[in-house]
Amino acid sequence: MRVLITGGAGFLGSHLCDYLLAQGHSVVAMDNLLTGSMDNIAHLAGRDDFSFVKHDVTNYVFVKGPLDAVLHFASPASPVDYLTYPIPTLKVGALGTHKALGLALAKGARFLLASTSEVYGDPLVNPQPEDYWGNVNPIGPRGVYDEAKRFAEAMTMAYHRYHQLDTRIARIFNTYGPRMRLNDGRAVPNFLHQALTRQPLTVYGDGSQTRSFCYVDDEVRGFYKLLMSDEHRPVNIGNPSEMNILDFARTVLEVTGSKSEITFVDPTDERVVDDPKVRRPDITRAREVLGWEPTVELREGLGKTLAYFQDRM
C-alpha cells in the first residue's frame, strides 16, 4: 500500500512510519512540526519508499498520486502541548480531520483516526468499554483535546455513514517509549527525566489516580491490525494492566536505580484539572476482532525507554 500518515514526525506517527515500512508499504509522512520533530524520522531520509511533507493539515491537503490509506495522527497529545496550543488542538481535531477525511474520500482510501481514551473523560465506569459515552467537561482546560477528539470521531462516522468511506477509529490509552520528548509533561517522560537528573518525582495529589501504560511497539501493532481489519466501530488499543501513579513512580525509581525522592504537589494545577481518577481499557473487542493484546511488560518497556532518554541526555 501507499499510506499517508498525518503527524508522521510525532512520537506515535514516527513509530507507525517504521512499522508500515517494515511491512513493505510506502509512506508519506506529513507534519507541521508544532510538536513533532524531524529527529524522529531522520533515519528514514533518502529511502525510495518514504517521503516527508511539511504541511498543516488544517489547510487543504494535496498528495500527488494514489493513496490506499490515510492515518490521521496529527494533534498535540500531552496536557503541556494542548494547554499551550488550545486553538490549534481544536482546529486539527475539527478542520484537520475534515481535510484528512476529504483526501481519503477523493483517493478511495481507507481512513484510520487516532482517537484517545480522553473521549471517556473522568470515567464513571472502570474499565472503559467502547460503548461507554464518557464523562467529559467540555469547558475545562482539557476540553480542547477531549472534545476535539470526540468531534473527530463523530465526523469520521458521518463520513462512514454518508459517504460509505471505509473508516477505522483507534482509542489510544497511555502509550510510552522511545521518541517521547523529555519535556512532554506526561508521567513516563516526566518521572524518567526527574529520576535521571536526581530531582524529586512529582506526584499530583496523593497518587491514587490510575493509568494503564502500553509500550509503543504493542500500540502500533494494534493500529496495523485495526487498519487491516473490517472493524468500523471504535476499538480500544491499550494495556489493561492498571496501576496507581504512586506505585508507578516507585517502579520508575527501581528501574532507574535513582535515589530521588517522591514529592506530592498541588492537585489543582491547570495541567491536572479534570484529570481522570481511573484509566483502564476494556480490550475485549481488540482481542476478539483483531486478535490483539499487548505483550511487552512494563519494566521491559521502561528499560528501553530509559536507554533512549539516557542517550538523548
C-alpha atoms as a PDB file:
ATOM      1  CA  MET A   1       0.000   0.000   0.000  1.00  0.00           C
ATOM      2  CA  ARG A   2       0.886   3.668  -0.277  1.00  0.00           C
ATOM      3  CA  VAL A   3      -0.051   5.341   3.011  1.00  0.00           C
ATOM      4  CA  LEU A   4      -0.260   8.933   4.274  1.00  0.00           C
ATOM      5  CA  ILE A   5       0.397   9.463   7.993  1.00  0.00           C
ATOM      6  CA  THR A   6      -0.511  12.915   9.286  1.00  0.00           C
ATOM      7  CA  GLY A   7       1.546  13.751  12.362  1.00  0.00           C
ATOM      8  CA  GLY A   8       4.175  11.423  10.916  1.00  0.00           C
ATOM      9  CA  ALA A   9       7.069  13.157  12.698  1.00  0.00           C
ATOM     10  CA  GLY A  10       5.479  12.784  16.117  1.00  0.00           C
ATOM     11  CA  PHE A  11       6.071  10.129  18.755  1.00  0.00           C
ATOM     12  CA  LEU A  12       3.412   7.665  17.604  1.00  0.00           C
ATOM     13  CA  GLY A  13       3.423   8.742  13.972  1.00  0.00           C
ATOM     14  CA  SER A  14       7.131   8.104  13.520  1.00  0.00           C
ATOM     15  CA  HIS A  15       6.907   4.615  15.022  1.00  0.00           C
ATOM     16  CA  LEU A  16       3.981   3.926  12.715  1.00  0.00           C
ATOM     17  CA  CYS A  17       6.110   5.025   9.752  1.00  0.00           C
ATOM     18  CA  ASP A  18       8.747   2.475  10.790  1.00  0.00           C
ATOM     19  CA  TYR A  19       6.206  -0.304  11.219  1.00  0.00           C
ATOM     20  CA  LEU A  20       4.447   0.227   7.893  1.00  0.00           C
ATOM     21  CA  LEU A  21       7.750   0.438   6.030  1.00  0.00           C
ATOM     22  CA  ALA A  22       8.835  -2.812   7.693  1.00  0.00           C
ATOM     23  CA  GLN A  23       5.643  -4.424   6.369  1.00  0.00           C
ATOM     24  CA  GLY A  24       6.632  -3.459   2.817  1.00  0.00           C
ATOM     25  CA  HIS A  25       4.384  -0.425   2.346  1.00  0.00           C
ATOM     26  CA  SER A  26       5.444   3.034   1.170  1.00  0.00           C
ATOM     27  CA  VAL A  27       4.794   6.004   3.432  1.00  0.00           C
ATOM     28  CA  VAL A  28       4.186   9.719   3.038  1.00  0.00           C
ATOM     29  CA  ALA A  29       4.629  11.479   6.389  1.00  0.00           C
ATOM     30  CA  MET A  30       3.001  14.885   6.833  1.00  0.00           C
ATOM     31  CA  ASP A  31       3.623  17.161   9.820  1.00  0.00           C
ATOM     32  CA  ASN A  32       3.735  20.880  10.602  1.00  0.00           C
ATOM     33  CA  LEU A  33       6.361  20.169  13.312  1.00  0.00           C
ATOM     34  CA  LEU A  34       4.433  22.042  16.008  1.00  0.00           C
ATOM     35  CA  THR A  35       5.109  19.200  18.435  1.00  0.00           C
ATOM     36  CA  GLY A  36       6.723  16.673  16.077  1.00  0.00           C
ATOM     37  CA  SER A  37      10.434  16.566  15.262  1.00  0.00           C
ATOM     38  CA  MET A  38      12.489  15.726  12.199  1.00  0.00           C
ATOM     39  CA  ASP A  39      14.818  13.844  14.556  1.00  0.00           C
ATOM     40  CA  ASN A  40      12.130  11.170  14.840  1.00  0.00           C
ATOM     41  CA  ILE A  41      12.244  10.367  11.133  1.00  0.00           C
ATOM     42  CA  ALA A  42      15.800  11.407  10.218  1.00  0.00           C
ATOM     43  CA  HIS A  43      16.810   7.742   9.897  1.00  0.00           C
ATOM     44  CA  LEU A  44      14.275   7.345   7.065  1.00  0.00           C
ATOM     45  CA  ALA A  45      15.704  10.123   4.888  1.00  0.00           C
ATOM     46  CA  GLY A  46      16.772   9.012   1.428  1.00  0.00           C
ATOM     47  CA  ARG A  47      14.571   5.919   1.245  1.00  0.00           C
ATOM     48  CA  ASP A  48      12.679   5.466  -2.017  1.00  0.00           C
ATOM     49  CA  ASP A  49       9.623   4.243  -0.134  1.00  0.00           C
ATOM     50  CA  PHE A  50       9.421   7.222   2.223  1.00  0.00           C
ATOM     51  CA  SER A  51       8.802  10.933   1.769  1.00  0.00           C
ATOM     52  CA  PHE A  52       8.066  13.844   4.086  1.00  0.00           C
ATOM     53  CA  VAL A  53       5.807  16.842   3.503  1.00  0.00           C
ATOM     54  CA  LYS A  54       5.815  19.773   5.891  1.00  0.00           C
ATOM     55  CA  HIS A  55       2.218  20.925   5.988  1.00  0.00           C
ATOM     56  CA  ASP A  56      -0.531  21.964   8.384  1.00  0.00           C
ATOM     57  CA  VAL A  57      -3.458  19.608   7.791  1.00  0.00           C
ATOM     58  CA  THR A  58      -5.977  22.220   8.917  1.00  0.00           C
ATOM     59  CA  ASN A  59      -5.376  23.687   5.446  1.00  0.00           C
ATOM     60  CA  TYR A  60      -6.243  21.968   2.165  1.00  0.00           C
ATOM     61  CA  VAL A  61      -4.278  18.732   1.845  1.00  0.00           C
ATOM     62  CA  PHE A  62      -2.898  17.621  -1.501  1.00  0.00           C
ATOM     63  CA  VAL A  63      -0.876  14.484  -2.086  1.00  0.00           C
ATOM     64  CA  LYS A  64       0.146  13.595  -5.612  1.00  0.00           C
ATOM     65  CA  GLY A  65      -0.521  10.057  -6.787  1.00  0.00           C
ATOM     66  CA  PRO A  66      -2.634   7.231  -5.390  1.00  0.00           C
ATOM     67  CA  LEU A  67      -3.186   6.526  -1.701  1.00  0.00           C
ATOM     68  CA  ASP A  68      -4.523   3.313  -0.219  1.00  0.00           C
ATOM     69  CA  ALA A  69      -4.840   4.564   3.357  1.00  0.00           C
ATOM     70  CA  VAL A  70      -4.869   7.808   5.326  1.00  0.00           C
ATOM     71  CA  LEU A  71      -3.907   7.572   9.008  1.00  0.00           C
ATOM     72  CA  HIS A  72      -4.754  10.771  10.858  1.00  0.00           C
ATOM     73  CA  PHE A  73      -2.389  11.132  13.824  1.00  0.00           C
ATOM     74  CA  ALA A  74      -1.801  14.889  13.708  1.00  0.00           C
ATOM     75  CA  SER A  75      -2.563  16.552  17.056  1.00  0.00           C
ATOM     76  CA  PRO A  76      -0.890  17.857  20.195  1.00  0.00           C
ATOM     77  CA  ALA A  77      -1.278  14.960  22.615  1.00  0.00           C
ATOM     78  CA  SER A  78       0.032  15.902  26.060  1.00  0.00           C
ATOM     79  CA  PRO A  79      -1.506  18.356  28.543  1.00  0.00           C
ATOM     80  CA  VAL A  80       1.585  20.575  28.238  1.00  0.00           C
ATOM     81  CA  ASP A  81       1.016  20.805  24.485  1.00  0.00           C
ATOM     82  CA  TYR A  82      -2.723  21.270  24.280  1.00  0.00           C
ATOM     83  CA  LEU A  83      -2.719  23.803  27.123  1.00  0.00           C
ATOM     84  CA  THR A  84      -0.046  25.732  25.210  1.00  0.00           C
ATOM     85  CA  TYR A  85      -1.817  25.334  21.866  1.00  0.00           C
ATOM     86  CA  PRO A  86      -5.546  25.136  22.667  1.00  0.00           C
ATOM     87  CA  ILE A  87      -6.812  26.618  19.395  1.00  0.00           C
ATOM     88  CA  PRO A  88      -4.518  24.562  17.101  1.00  0.00           C
ATOM     89  CA  THR A  89      -5.605  21.455  19.058  1.00  0.00           C
ATOM     90  CA  LEU A  90      -9.262  22.185  18.370  1.00  0.00           C
ATOM     91  CA  LYS A  91      -8.532  23.055  14.742  1.00  0.00           C
ATOM     92  CA  VAL A  92      -6.588  19.882  13.972  1.00  0.00           C
ATOM     93  CA  GLY A  93      -9.336  17.782  15.555  1.00  0.00           C
ATOM     94  CA  ALA A  94     -12.038  19.524  13.534  1.00  0.00           C
ATOM     95  CA  LEU A  95     -10.592  21.073  10.351  1.00  0.00           C
ATOM     96  CA  GLY A  96      -7.662  18.647  10.163  1.00  0.00           C
ATOM     97  CA  THR A  97      -9.921  15.612  10.440  1.00  0.00           C
ATOM     98  CA  HIS A  98     -12.245  17.093   7.810  1.00  0.00           C
ATOM     99  CA  LYS A  99      -9.349  17.646   5.390  1.00  0.00           C
ATOM    100  CA  ALA A 100      -7.903  14.180   6.013  1.00  0.00           C
ATOM    101  CA  LEU A 101     -11.291  12.524   5.517  1.00  0.00           C
ATOM    102  CA  GLY A 102     -11.840  14.513   2.332  1.00  0.00           C
ATOM    103  CA  LEU A 103      -8.497  13.338   0.989  1.00  0.00           C
ATOM    104  CA  ALA A 104      -9.301   9.719   1.818  1.00  0.00           C
ATOM    105  CA  LEU A 105     -12.650  10.047   0.047  1.00  0.00           C
ATOM    106  CA  ALA A 106     -11.052  11.618  -3.037  1.00  0.00           C
ATOM    107  CA  LYS A 107      -8.408   8.891  -3.208  1.00  0.00           C
ATOM    108  CA  GLY A 108     -10.760   5.999  -2.446  1.00  0.00           C
ATOM    109  CA  ALA A 109      -8.537   5.187   0.534  1.00  0.00           C
ATOM    110  CA  ARG A 110      -9.381   3.633   3.876  1.00  0.00           C
ATOM    111  CA  PHE A 111      -9.123   6.013   6.828  1.00  0.00           C
ATOM    112  CA  LEU A 112      -7.893   5.460  10.388  1.00  0.00           C
ATOM    113  CA  LEU A 113      -8.438   8.061  13.091  1.00  0.00           C
ATOM    114  CA  ALA A 114      -6.112   8.237  16.081  1.00  0.00           C
ATOM    115  CA  SER A 115      -8.619   8.975  18.826  1.00  0.00           C
ATOM    116  CA  THR A 116      -7.968   8.761  22.541  1.00  0.00           C
ATOM    117  CA  SER A 117      -9.112   7.363  25.867  1.00  0.00           C
ATOM    118  CA  GLU A 118      -9.749  11.003  26.778  1.00  0.00           C
ATOM    119  CA  VAL A 119     -13.109  10.712  24.998  1.00  0.00           C
ATOM    120  CA  TYR A 120     -14.157   8.886  28.200  1.00  0.00           C
ATOM    121  CA  GLY A 121     -13.174  11.927  30.299  1.00  0.00           C
ATOM    122  CA  ASP A 122     -13.102  11.220  34.034  1.00  0.00           C
ATOM    123  CA  PRO A 123     -14.923   7.897  33.680  1.00  0.00           C
ATOM    124  CA  LEU A 124     -17.656   6.691  35.983  1.00  0.00           C
ATOM    125  CA  VAL A 125     -17.110   3.076  34.895  1.00  0.00           C
ATOM    126  CA  ASN A 126     -13.873   1.087  35.093  1.00  0.00           C
ATOM    127  CA  PRO A 127     -12.586  -0.478  32.899  1.00  0.00           C
ATOM    128  CA  GLN A 128     -13.876   1.588  29.993  1.00  0.00           C
ATOM    129  CA  PRO A 129     -15.602  -0.308  27.148  1.00  0.00           C
ATOM    130  CA  GLU A 130     -16.108   1.282  23.738  1.00  0.00           C
ATOM    131  CA  ASP A 131     -19.858   1.658  24.256  1.00  0.00           C
ATOM    132  CA  TYR A 132     -19.327   3.944  27.300  1.00  0.00           C
ATOM    133  CA  TRP A 133     -20.177   7.508  26.284  1.00  0.00           C
ATOM    134  CA  GLY A 134     -17.882   9.202  28.763  1.00  0.00           C
ATOM    135  CA  ASN A 135     -17.899  11.923  31.413  1.00  0.00           C
ATOM    136  CA  VAL A 136     -16.244  14.971  29.843  1.00  0.00           C
ATOM    137  CA  ASN A 137     -16.155  18.604  30.949  1.00  0.00           C
ATOM    138  CA  PRO A 138     -16.426  20.457  27.611  1.00  0.00           C
ATOM    139  CA  ILE A 139     -15.378  23.843  29.035  1.00  0.00           C
ATOM    140  CA  GLY A 140     -12.482  22.745  31.258  1.00  0.00           C
ATOM    141  CA  PRO A 141      -8.821  23.176  30.230  1.00  0.00           C
ATOM    142  CA  ARG A 142      -8.665  19.594  28.943  1.00  0.00           C
ATOM    143  CA  GLY A 143     -11.853  20.078  26.934  1.00  0.00           C
ATOM    144  CA  VAL A 144      -9.914  21.408  23.949  1.00  0.00           C
ATOM    145  CA  TYR A 145      -8.344  17.968  23.481  1.00  0.00           C
ATOM    146  CA  ASP A 146     -11.203  15.785  24.688  1.00  0.00           C
ATOM    147  CA  GLU A 147     -13.852  17.494  22.582  1.00  0.00           C
ATOM    148  CA  ALA A 148     -11.592  17.776  19.537  1.00  0.00           C
ATOM    149  CA  LYS A 149     -11.231  14.002  19.527  1.00  0.00           C
ATOM    150  CA  ARG A 150     -14.927  13.403  20.231  1.00  0.00           C
ATOM    151  CA  PHE A 151     -15.790  15.672  17.298  1.00  0.00           C
ATOM    152  CA  ALA A 152     -13.224  13.870  15.133  1.00  0.00           C
ATOM    153  CA  GLU A 153     -14.909  10.547  15.922  1.00  0.00           C
ATOM    154  CA  ALA A 154     -18.333  11.990  15.076  1.00  0.00           C
ATOM    155  CA  MET A 155     -17.079  13.337  11.754  1.00  0.00           C
ATOM    156  CA  THR A 156     -15.364  10.057  10.927  1.00  0.00           C
ATOM    157  CA  MET A 157     -18.590   8.141  11.500  1.00  0.00           C
ATOM    158  CA  ALA A 158     -20.529  10.735   9.471  1.00  0.00           C
ATOM    159  CA  TYR A 159     -18.212  10.129   6.503  1.00  0.00           C
ATOM    160  CA  HIS A 160     -18.625   6.389   7.001  1.00  0.00           C
ATOM    161  CA  ARG A 161     -22.418   6.575   7.049  1.00  0.00           C
ATOM    162  CA  TYR A 162     -22.996   9.319   4.455  1.00  0.00           C
ATOM    163  CA  HIS A 163     -20.138   8.693   2.007  1.00  0.00           C
ATOM    164  CA  GLN A 164     -19.658   4.973   2.770  1.00  0.00           C
ATOM    165  CA  LEU A 165     -15.997   5.747   3.468  1.00  0.00           C
ATOM    166  CA  ASP A 166     -14.032   2.777   4.811  1.00  0.00           C
ATOM    167  CA  THR A 167     -13.094   4.085   8.289  1.00  0.00           C
ATOM    168  CA  ARG A 168     -11.411   2.898  11.500  1.00  0.00           C
ATOM    169  CA  ILE A 169     -11.224   4.535  14.952  1.00  0.00           C
ATOM    170  CA  ALA A 170      -8.455   3.667  17.429  1.00  0.00           C
ATOM    171  CA  ARG A 171      -8.942   4.863  21.006  1.00  0.00           C
ATOM    172  CA  ILE A 172      -5.412   5.177  22.327  1.00  0.00           C
ATOM    173  CA  PHE A 173      -4.608   4.770  26.020  1.00  0.00           C
ATOM    174  CA  ASN A 174      -1.403   5.910  27.738  1.00  0.00           C
ATOM    175  CA  THR A 175       1.458   4.949  25.425  1.00  0.00           C
ATOM    176  CA  TYR A 176       5.164   5.293  26.139  1.00  0.00           C
ATOM    177  CA  GLY A 177       8.511   4.503  24.565  1.00  0.00           C
ATOM    178  CA  PRO A 178      11.498   5.997  22.743  1.00  0.00           C
ATOM    179  CA  ARG A 179      10.995   9.349  20.966  1.00  0.00           C
ATOM    180  CA  MET A 180       8.831  10.852  23.680  1.00  0.00           C
ATOM    181  CA  ARG A 181      10.065  14.351  24.445  1.00  0.00           C
ATOM    182  CA  LEU A 182      11.896  14.915  27.731  1.00  0.00           C
ATOM    183  CA  ASN A 183       9.625  17.898  28.442  1.00  0.00           C
ATOM    184  CA  ASP A 184       6.477  16.119  27.283  1.00  0.00           C
ATOM    185  CA  GLY A 185       4.870  16.530  30.698  1.00  0.00           C
ATOM    186  CA  ARG A 186       3.235  13.103  30.808  1.00  0.00           C
ATOM    187  CA  ALA A 187       4.011  10.646  33.584  1.00  0.00           C
ATOM    188  CA  VAL A 188       6.596   8.437  31.849  1.00  0.00           C
ATOM    189  CA  PRO A 189       8.960  11.115  30.460  1.00  0.00           C
ATOM    190  CA  ASN A 190       8.369  13.321  33.488  1.00  0.00           C
ATOM    191  CA  PHE A 191       9.342  10.642  36.014  1.00  0.00           C
ATOM    192  CA  LEU A 192      12.231   9.267  33.953  1.00  0.00           C
ATOM    193  CA  HIS A 193      13.694  12.731  33.416  1.00  0.00           C
ATOM    194  CA  GLN A 194      13.363  13.589  37.105  1.00  0.00           C
ATOM    195  CA  ALA A 195      14.908  10.282  38.152  1.00  0.00           C
ATOM    196  CA  LEU A 196      17.856  10.670  35.776  1.00  0.00           C
ATOM    197  CA  THR A 197      18.535  14.239  36.910  1.00  0.00           C
ATOM    198  CA  ARG A 198      18.125  13.334  40.605  1.00  0.00           C
ATOM    199  CA  GLN A 199      15.136  15.619  41.027  1.00  0.00           C
ATOM    200  CA  PRO A 200      12.152  14.644  43.190  1.00  0.00           C
ATOM    201  CA  LEU A 201       9.464  12.729  41.313  1.00  0.00           C
ATOM    202  CA  THR A 202       6.385  14.965  41.407  1.00  0.00           C
ATOM    203  CA  VAL A 203       3.113  13.164  42.040  1.00  0.00           C
ATOM    204  CA  TYR A 204      -0.100  15.187  41.807  1.00  0.00           C
ATOM    205  CA  GLY A 205      -2.454  14.764  44.742  1.00  0.00           C
ATOM    206  CA  ASP A 206      -1.964  11.541  46.697  1.00  0.00           C
ATOM    207  CA  GLY A 207      -1.028   9.446  43.652  1.00  0.00           C
ATOM    208  CA  SER A 208      -4.110   7.224  43.878  1.00  0.00           C
ATOM    209  CA  GLN A 209      -5.204   8.056  40.320  1.00  0.00           C
ATOM    210  CA  THR A 210      -4.623   5.108  37.991  1.00  0.00           C
ATOM    211  CA  ARG A 211      -3.220   4.682  34.485  1.00  0.00           C
ATOM    212  CA  SER A 212      -2.601   1.788  32.111  1.00  0.00           C
ATOM    213  CA  PHE A 213       0.682   2.031  30.197  1.00  0.00           C
ATOM    214  CA  CYS A 214       1.171   0.412  26.792  1.00  0.00           C
ATOM    215  CA  TYR A 215       4.589   0.160  25.128  1.00  0.00           C
ATOM    216  CA  VAL A 216       4.740   1.807  21.716  1.00  0.00           C
ATOM    217  CA  ASP A 217       5.643  -1.382  19.794  1.00  0.00           C
ATOM    218  CA  ASP A 218       2.476  -3.052  21.052  1.00  0.00           C
ATOM    219  CA  GLU A 219       0.459   0.057  20.269  1.00  0.00           C
ATOM    220  CA  VAL A 220       1.497   0.386  16.615  1.00  0.00           C
ATOM    221  CA  ARG A 221       0.988  -3.342  16.080  1.00  0.00           C
ATOM    222  CA  GLY A 222      -2.583  -2.788  17.271  1.00  0.00           C
ATOM    223  CA  PHE A 223      -3.029   0.120  14.858  1.00  0.00           C
ATOM    224  CA  TYR A 224      -1.893  -2.025  11.959  1.00  0.00           C
ATOM    225  CA  LYS A 225      -4.214  -4.892  12.873  1.00  0.00           C
ATOM    226  CA  LEU A 226      -7.092  -2.416  13.078  1.00  0.00           C
ATOM    227  CA  LEU A 227      -6.174  -0.829   9.745  1.00  0.00           C
ATOM    228  CA  MET A 228      -6.142  -4.225   8.043  1.00  0.00           C
ATOM    229  CA  SER A 229      -9.410  -5.336   9.666  1.00  0.00           C
ATOM    230  CA  ASP A 230     -13.016  -4.669   8.662  1.00  0.00           C
ATOM    231  CA  GLU A 231     -13.920  -3.110  12.028  1.00  0.00           C
ATOM    232  CA  HIS A 232     -15.586   0.299  11.728  1.00  0.00           C
ATOM    233  CA  ARG A 233     -16.556   0.706  15.379  1.00  0.00           C
ATOM    234  CA  PRO A 234     -14.105   2.348  17.814  1.00  0.00           C
ATOM    235  CA  VAL A 235     -11.545  -0.052  19.266  1.00  0.00           C
ATOM    236  CA  ASN A 236      -9.598   0.466  22.496  1.00  0.00           C
ATOM    237  CA  ILE A 237      -5.870  -0.045  21.886  1.00  0.00           C
ATOM    238  CA  GLY A 238      -4.176  -0.050  25.268  1.00  0.00           C
ATOM    239  CA  ASN A 239      -2.840  -2.141  28.108  1.00  0.00           C
ATOM    240  CA  PRO A 240      -5.491  -3.391  30.580  1.00  0.00           C
ATOM    241  CA  SER A 241      -2.893  -3.667  33.360  1.00  0.00           C
ATOM    242  CA  GLU A 242      -3.811  -0.802  35.704  1.00  0.00           C
ATOM    243  CA  MET A 243      -1.662   0.757  38.417  1.00  0.00           C
ATOM    244  CA  ASN A 244      -1.797   3.900  40.515  1.00  0.00           C
ATOM    245  CA  ILE A 245       0.623   6.741  39.841  1.00  0.00           C
ATOM    246  CA  LEU A 246       2.356   6.435  43.203  1.00  0.00           C
ATOM    247  CA  ASP A 247       3.225   2.782  42.525  1.00  0.00           C
ATOM    248  CA  PHE A 248       4.297   3.729  39.026  1.00  0.00           C
ATOM    249  CA  ALA A 249       6.677   6.360  40.430  1.00  0.00           C
ATOM    250  CA  ARG A 250       8.182   3.721  42.727  1.00  0.00           C
ATOM    251  CA  THR A 251       8.622   1.381  39.750  1.00  0.00           C
ATOM    252  CA  VAL A 252      10.476   4.101  37.836  1.00  0.00           C
ATOM    253  CA  LEU A 253      12.840   4.568  40.791  1.00  0.00           C
ATOM    254  CA  GLU A 254      13.532   0.821  40.835  1.00  0.00           C
ATOM    255  CA  VAL A 255      14.141   0.596  37.088  1.00  0.00           C
ATOM    256  CA  THR A 256      16.434   3.636  37.023  1.00  0.00           C
ATOM    257  CA  GLY A 257      18.181   2.911  40.316  1.00  0.00           C
ATOM    258  CA  SER A 258      17.628   6.559  41.189  1.00  0.00           C
ATOM    259  CA  LYS A 259      17.839   7.899  44.738  1.00  0.00           C
ATOM    260  CA  SER A 260      15.296  10.612  44.001  1.00  0.00           C
ATOM    261  CA  GLU A 261      12.517  11.152  46.474  1.00  0.00           C
ATOM    262  CA  ILE A 262       8.807  11.288  45.708  1.00  0.00           C
ATOM    263  CA  THR A 263       7.045  14.560  46.442  1.00  0.00           C
ATOM    264  CA  PHE A 264       3.337  15.348  46.361  1.00  0.00           C
ATOM    265  CA  VAL A 265       2.209  18.559  44.674  1.00  0.00           C
ATOM    266  CA  ASP A 266      -0.952  20.632  44.390  1.00  0.00           C
ATOM    267  CA  PRO A 267      -3.650  18.654  42.556  1.00  0.00           C
ATOM    268  CA  THR A 268      -5.367  21.895  41.450  1.00  0.00           C
ATOM    269  CA  ASP A 269      -2.632  22.702  38.902  1.00  0.00           C
ATOM    270  CA  GLU A 270      -4.207  23.543  35.498  1.00  0.00           C
ATOM    271  CA  ARG A 271      -2.479  20.540  33.924  1.00  0.00           C
ATOM    272  CA  VAL A 272      -4.459  18.150  36.110  1.00  0.00           C
ATOM    273  CA  VAL A 273      -7.847  19.863  36.299  1.00  0.00           C
ATOM    274  CA  ASP A 274     -10.411  17.186  35.352  1.00  0.00           C
ATOM    275  CA  ASP A 275      -7.588  14.634  35.423  1.00  0.00           C
ATOM    276  CA  PRO A 276      -9.161  11.153  35.179  1.00  0.00           C
ATOM    277  CA  LYS A 277      -9.145   9.319  38.504  1.00  0.00           C
ATOM    278  CA  VAL A 278      -9.075   5.940  36.784  1.00  0.00           C
ATOM    279  CA  ARG A 279      -7.954   4.795  33.344  1.00  0.00           C
ATOM    280  CA  ARG A 280      -8.119   1.212  32.144  1.00  0.00           C
ATOM    281  CA  PRO A 281      -9.201  -0.077  28.741  1.00  0.00           C
ATOM    282  CA  ASP A 282     -11.582  -2.946  28.235  1.00  0.00           C
ATOM    283  CA  ILE A 283      -9.835  -4.633  25.281  1.00  0.00           C
ATOM    284  CA  THR A 284     -12.374  -7.406  24.724  1.00  0.00           C
ATOM    285  CA  ARG A 285     -13.165  -6.046  21.244  1.00  0.00           C
ATOM    286  CA  ALA A 286      -9.464  -5.808  20.308  1.00  0.00           C
ATOM    287  CA  ARG A 287      -8.894  -9.383  21.458  1.00  0.00           C
ATOM    288  CA  GLU A 288     -11.944 -10.813  19.706  1.00  0.00           C
ATOM    289  CA  VAL A 289     -11.952  -8.784  16.477  1.00  0.00           C
ATOM    290  CA  LEU A 290      -8.253  -8.061  15.936  1.00  0.00           C
ATOM    291  CA  GLY A 291      -6.614 -10.910  17.823  1.00  0.00           C
ATOM    292  CA  TRP A 292      -4.508  -8.248  19.546  1.00  0.00           C
ATOM    293  CA  GLU A 293      -3.298  -7.713  23.075  1.00  0.00           C
ATOM    294  CA  PRO A 294      -0.117  -6.145  24.487  1.00  0.00           C
ATOM    295  CA  THR A 295       2.869  -8.381  25.213  1.00  0.00           C
ATOM    296  CA  VAL A 296       5.631  -6.048  26.468  1.00  0.00           C
ATOM    297  CA  GLU A 297       5.900  -5.971  30.265  1.00  0.00           C
ATOM    298  CA  LEU A 298       6.143  -2.570  31.965  1.00  0.00           C
ATOM    299  CA  ARG A 299       9.687  -2.983  33.288  1.00  0.00           C
ATOM    300  CA  GLU A 300      10.940  -4.171  29.899  1.00  0.00           C
ATOM    301  CA  GLY A 301       9.345  -1.214  28.144  1.00  0.00           C
ATOM    302  CA  LEU A 302      10.622   1.243  30.744  1.00  0.00           C
ATOM    303  CA  GLY A 303      14.136  -0.163  30.318  1.00  0.00           C
ATOM    304  CA  LYS A 304      14.032   0.504  26.566  1.00  0.00           C
ATOM    305  CA  THR A 305      12.622   3.968  27.111  1.00  0.00           C
ATOM    306  CA  LEU A 306      15.248   4.687  29.772  1.00  0.00           C
ATOM    307  CA  ALA A 307      18.054   3.784  27.352  1.00  0.00           C
ATOM    308  CA  TYR A 308      16.661   6.256  24.809  1.00  0.00           C
ATOM    309  CA  PHE A 309      16.381   9.027  27.397  1.00  0.00           C
ATOM    310  CA  GLN A 310      19.926   8.413  28.632  1.00  0.00           C
ATOM    311  CA  ASP A 311      21.180   8.703  25.072  1.00  0.00           C
ATOM    312  CA  ARG A 312      19.241  11.921  24.456  1.00  0.00           C
ATOM    313  CA  MET A 313      20.575  13.464  27.671  1.00  0.00           C
END
